[in-house]
Protein backbone atom coordinates (compact mmCIF):
# COMPACT_ATOMS: atom_id res chain seq x y z
CA MET A 1 114.79 117.08 96.98
CA GLU A 2 116.34 119.43 94.41
CA LYS A 3 113.88 121.67 91.91
CA LYS A 4 113.85 119.50 88.95
CA LYS A 5 111.29 122.25 87.02
CA ASP A 6 110.14 125.61 87.32
CA LEU A 7 106.85 126.37 87.85
CA TYR A 8 104.99 129.43 85.72
CA HIS A 9 102.91 131.81 87.47
CA ASN A 10 101.52 133.52 83.94
CA ILE A 11 99.95 130.33 82.38
CA ASN A 12 96.42 129.30 83.37
CA ARG A 13 97.62 126.12 84.79
CA PRO A 14 97.22 126.76 88.73
CA LEU A 15 100.73 126.46 90.52
CA TYR A 16 99.17 123.73 92.79
CA LEU A 17 98.35 121.22 89.77
CA GLN A 18 101.96 122.41 88.19
CA LEU A 19 103.60 121.06 91.53
CA LYS A 20 101.40 118.21 91.52
CA ASP A 21 102.22 117.27 88.20
CA ILE A 22 106.13 117.54 89.02
CA LEU A 23 105.73 115.14 91.72
CA ILE A 24 103.87 112.50 90.00
CA GLU A 25 106.55 112.54 87.26
CA GLN A 26 108.87 112.25 89.68
CA ILE A 27 106.97 109.08 91.32
CA LYS A 28 106.25 107.57 87.48
CA ALA A 29 110.21 108.07 87.22
CA GLY A 30 110.98 105.89 89.98
CA GLU A 31 112.81 109.14 91.71
CA LEU A 32 110.19 108.61 94.56
CA GLN A 33 109.32 105.46 95.76
CA PRO A 34 106.64 104.26 98.25
CA GLY A 35 107.49 105.10 101.53
CA ASP A 36 109.71 107.63 100.52
CA ILE A 37 109.47 111.31 102.46
CA ILE A 38 108.74 114.41 100.80
CA PRO A 39 110.23 117.45 102.28
CA GLY A 40 107.96 119.61 104.46
CA GLU A 41 105.61 122.52 103.42
CA ARG A 42 108.34 125.01 104.01
CA LYS A 43 110.84 123.47 102.30
CA LEU A 44 108.97 122.68 98.65
CA ALA A 45 107.56 126.70 99.32
CA GLU A 46 111.52 127.50 99.24
CA ILE A 47 112.26 125.23 96.36
CA TYR A 48 109.27 126.42 93.87
CA ASP A 49 109.35 129.98 95.08
CA ILE A 50 105.60 129.65 96.38
CA SER A 51 103.18 129.67 99.14
CA ARG A 52 103.32 127.05 101.75
CA VAL A 53 99.20 127.38 100.90
CA THR A 54 99.95 126.60 97.49
CA VAL A 55 101.88 123.33 98.70
CA ARG A 56 99.02 122.52 101.05
CA LYS A 57 96.95 122.47 98.50
CA CYS A 58 98.67 120.05 96.01
CA ILE A 59 99.54 117.87 99.19
CA ALA A 60 95.69 117.31 99.66
CA TYR A 61 94.96 116.64 96.58
CA MET A 62 97.63 114.15 96.10
CA VAL A 63 96.62 112.63 99.50
CA GLU A 64 92.78 112.68 97.88
CA GLU A 65 94.28 110.70 94.81
CA GLY A 66 95.95 108.38 96.42
CA TYR A 67 99.76 109.41 96.00
CA LEU A 68 100.49 110.27 99.31
CA ILE A 69 99.98 109.44 102.89
CA ARG A 70 99.57 112.42 105.72
CA LYS A 71 100.71 110.46 108.81
CA GLN A 72 99.68 112.77 111.67
CA GLY A 73 101.79 114.54 113.28
CA LYS A 74 104.61 113.06 111.01
CA ASP A 75 105.58 113.20 107.83
CA THR A 76 104.23 112.62 104.60
CA VAL A 77 105.04 109.87 102.09
CA ILE A 78 104.56 108.02 99.11
CA ALA A 79 101.94 105.71 98.69
CA ASP A 80 101.77 102.57 97.76
CA ARG A 81 98.98 103.57 95.10
CA LYS A 82 95.88 101.20 95.13
CA ILE A 83 93.75 100.49 92.13
CA ASN A 84 91.06 102.78 92.48
CA HIS A 85 87.77 102.46 90.72
CA ARG A 86 85.11 104.81 90.35
CA LEU A 87 81.15 103.78 91.45
CA GLY A 88 78.93 104.39 89.13
CA LEU A 89 80.80 103.53 85.07
CA LEU A 90 80.09 100.20 83.56
CA LEU A 91 83.78 98.61 82.62
CA GLY A 92 85.24 95.86 81.85
CA ILE A 93 88.37 94.85 83.71
CA ALA A 94 90.74 95.82 80.69
CA GLU A 95 88.68 98.44 80.29
CA GLU A 96 89.09 99.87 83.92
CA LEU A 97 92.60 99.17 84.63
CA SER A 98 93.15 100.85 81.22
CA GLU A 99 92.53 104.18 82.75
CA THR A 100 94.86 103.90 85.36
CA GLU A 101 98.48 104.99 85.58
CA GLN A 102 99.79 101.45 86.45
CA ASN A 103 101.75 98.90 85.25
CA VAL A 104 98.67 96.15 85.37
CA GLN A 105 98.67 92.93 84.23
CA ILE A 106 96.06 90.31 83.61
CA ARG A 107 96.91 86.29 83.12
CA GLU A 108 94.78 83.82 82.06
CA LEU A 109 94.10 80.66 84.45
CA ARG A 110 91.63 78.43 82.17
CA GLN A 111 88.88 78.65 80.11
CA GLY A 112 86.04 75.92 78.73
CA TYR A 113 82.99 74.83 79.74
CA THR A 114 81.57 73.65 83.03
CA ILE A 115 77.96 73.21 84.99
CA PRO A 116 77.79 76.37 86.65
CA PRO A 117 76.87 76.54 90.31
CA THR A 118 72.87 77.61 90.97
CA LYS A 119 73.71 81.12 91.52
CA VAL A 120 75.37 81.62 88.48
CA ALA A 121 72.79 79.84 86.36
CA ASP A 122 70.12 81.93 88.26
CA ALA A 123 71.68 85.24 87.13
CA LEU A 124 71.82 84.00 83.59
CA ASN A 125 68.14 82.58 83.51
CA LEU A 126 69.80 79.47 82.72
CA ASP A 127 68.18 75.63 83.38
CA GLU A 128 70.29 73.39 85.79
CA ASN A 129 72.72 71.22 84.25
CA ILE A 130 73.28 73.83 81.53
CA GLN A 131 76.87 74.02 80.66
CA VAL A 132 78.51 77.65 80.74
CA PHE A 133 81.40 78.95 79.03
CA PHE A 134 84.22 80.23 81.86
CA PHE A 135 87.19 82.10 81.95
CA ASP A 136 89.45 82.43 84.83
CA ARG A 137 92.07 85.34 85.49
CA ILE A 138 94.48 87.14 87.53
CA VAL A 139 95.42 90.65 87.47
CA TYR A 140 98.36 92.52 88.37
CA SER A 141 99.46 95.29 89.66
CA GLU A 142 102.72 96.55 89.61
CA GLY A 143 103.73 92.59 89.50
CA LYS A 144 101.54 92.21 92.65
CA PRO A 145 98.25 89.83 91.92
CA VAL A 146 95.68 91.77 93.50
CA ILE A 147 92.15 90.46 91.36
CA LEU A 148 91.34 87.30 90.85
CA ASN A 149 88.07 86.89 88.63
CA TYR A 150 85.77 83.90 87.73
CA SER A 151 83.41 85.17 84.72
CA TYR A 152 80.50 83.03 83.08
CA VAL A 153 78.53 83.24 79.97
CA SER A 154 75.97 81.42 78.36
CA PRO A 155 77.34 78.46 76.07
CA ARG A 156 75.94 80.67 72.72
CA ILE A 157 78.49 83.43 74.08
CA GLY A 158 80.97 81.45 74.35
CA LYS A 159 80.71 80.22 71.10
CA MET A 160 82.02 83.78 70.15
CA LEU A 161 84.53 83.58 72.82
CA GLU A 162 86.12 80.54 73.44
CA GLY A 163 89.67 80.25 72.28
CA MET A 164 89.99 84.09 72.64
CA ASN A 165 93.57 85.18 74.66
CA PHE A 166 92.17 86.78 77.64
CA ASN A 167 95.44 88.04 78.75
CA THR A 168 94.76 90.91 76.30
CA ALA A 169 90.56 90.60 74.99
CA ARG A 170 88.90 93.16 76.23
CA VAL A 171 85.65 91.47 76.50
CA PHE A 172 83.44 94.15 76.83
CA ILE A 173 84.21 95.68 73.60
CA HIS A 174 84.48 92.18 71.52
CA LEU A 175 80.49 91.63 72.84
CA GLU A 176 79.76 94.57 71.61
CA HIS A 177 81.96 94.54 68.29
CA CYS A 178 79.60 91.36 67.97
CA GLY A 179 76.14 93.42 68.45
CA TYR A 180 75.15 92.92 71.80
CA ASN A 181 74.97 96.35 73.39
CA LEU A 182 75.45 96.50 76.64
CA SER A 183 73.29 98.43 78.96
CA TYR A 184 73.42 98.28 82.70
CA ALA A 185 74.72 95.62 85.52
CA GLU A 186 73.57 94.79 88.55
CA GLN A 187 76.49 94.56 91.58
CA ASN A 188 76.95 93.64 94.98
CA ILE A 189 79.92 94.52 96.92
CA THR A 190 80.85 92.49 100.06
CA ALA A 191 83.18 92.01 102.73
CA GLY A 192 85.02 88.63 103.06
CA LEU A 193 88.05 86.54 104.38
CA CYS A 194 90.44 85.40 102.15
CA ARG A 195 90.17 81.41 101.33
CA LYS A 196 92.87 78.94 100.69
CA GLU A 197 92.39 78.74 96.92
CA GLU A 198 92.45 82.44 96.65
CA SER A 199 95.43 83.28 98.96
CA GLN A 200 97.33 80.84 96.36
CA TYR A 201 96.20 82.70 93.53
CA LEU A 202 96.77 86.07 95.31
CA GLU A 203 99.70 85.46 97.10
CA TYR A 204 97.97 86.91 99.87
CA GLU A 205 97.61 85.21 103.90
CA GLN A 206 94.24 82.91 104.19
CA GLY A 207 91.87 85.07 106.69
CA GLN A 208 93.08 88.17 105.36
CA PRO A 209 90.07 90.58 104.23
CA VAL A 210 89.18 91.09 100.98
CA LEU A 211 86.62 92.27 98.71
CA ILE A 212 84.13 90.26 97.04
CA ILE A 213 82.16 92.12 93.98
CA THR A 214 79.69 89.64 92.30
CA ARG A 215 78.22 91.11 89.01
CA THR A 216 75.81 90.65 86.30
CA THR A 217 75.74 92.63 83.15
CA TYR A 218 72.56 93.34 80.61
CA VAL A 219 71.63 94.10 77.09
CA GLU A 220 69.44 96.76 76.23
CA THR A 221 66.74 94.24 76.18
CA GLY A 222 67.57 93.35 79.98
CA VAL A 223 68.93 90.11 78.94
CA PRO A 224 71.78 88.89 80.96
CA ILE A 225 74.75 87.93 79.28
CA LEU A 226 78.05 88.11 81.50
CA TYR A 227 78.11 86.99 85.30
CA GLU A 228 81.25 87.50 87.13
CA LYS A 229 82.47 87.39 90.50
CA SER A 230 86.02 89.15 91.02
CA VAL A 231 88.09 88.81 94.37
CA TYR A 232 90.04 91.93 95.51
CA ARG A 233 93.21 92.13 97.98
CA GLY A 234 91.95 94.41 100.62
CA ASP A 235 95.19 95.85 100.72
CA ALA A 236 95.30 96.73 97.09
CA TYR A 237 92.24 98.12 96.20
CA GLN A 238 89.66 101.01 96.72
CA TYR A 239 86.28 102.39 95.36
CA SER A 240 85.26 106.18 94.93
CA VAL A 241 82.22 107.57 94.54
CA LYS A 242 81.01 111.44 94.07
CA LEU A 243 78.17 112.13 96.23
CA TYR A 244 75.48 114.86 95.59
CA ARG A 245 72.79 116.22 98.12
CA LYS A 246 69.69 116.55 96.93
CA LEU A 247 68.33 120.10 98.39
CA GLN A 248 65.22 119.43 100.44
CA LYS A 249 62.14 121.63 100.22
CA GLY A 250 62.22 124.44 102.73
CA GLU A 251 66.36 124.52 102.60
CA ASN A 252 67.56 127.59 101.53
């Protein structure tokens, strides 16, 4: 690896973050590809005239953020990055993916009206045999299908959505522009196995592990407005959450 840029010792940005910026830039530019081995700590320290401690700190951060994989007793390699979602934020799929640094596309499969499964009707507080508006989408990351999303809304809300281009539409933002203040959601995350239909859309072997996430989104008044079921390839998605410890009484 040749030095592409210099690191500056007299600016506010720490050296380990400057090195991280350079390596990420090389990853985005395709100069470093998934599976490529990066130079060792000693070599990077020599190239950029920094300490091995600084290099080690940079690598640790990049491993934590999913850019690198450190193999025990072996080399550190460029990761085939997963889409990362932070728990605790209420975002629509398009909003969530717009925050990533990856090449992401959404493809609409179909939309229309249907009698929903009982679970969907219950979540939306609808009587049985009431049609709902649905739209199904596939999410691609770097050209690979990673999420299969099924979404349902009541027929009243459906009138505002029908005919939309769900390849590009930001559903949450559209609903908010229509006067619906989305407030919170109830979400369940479970493990599952990829079924036949899902395997065809996700180009993923049937029986392989998937994450199944169901979510009901509510407006400020507590009325459910949107029910979603999303199936995520187990090899292409990860969730992250920051945990805080509550100090117990009597602890110092």
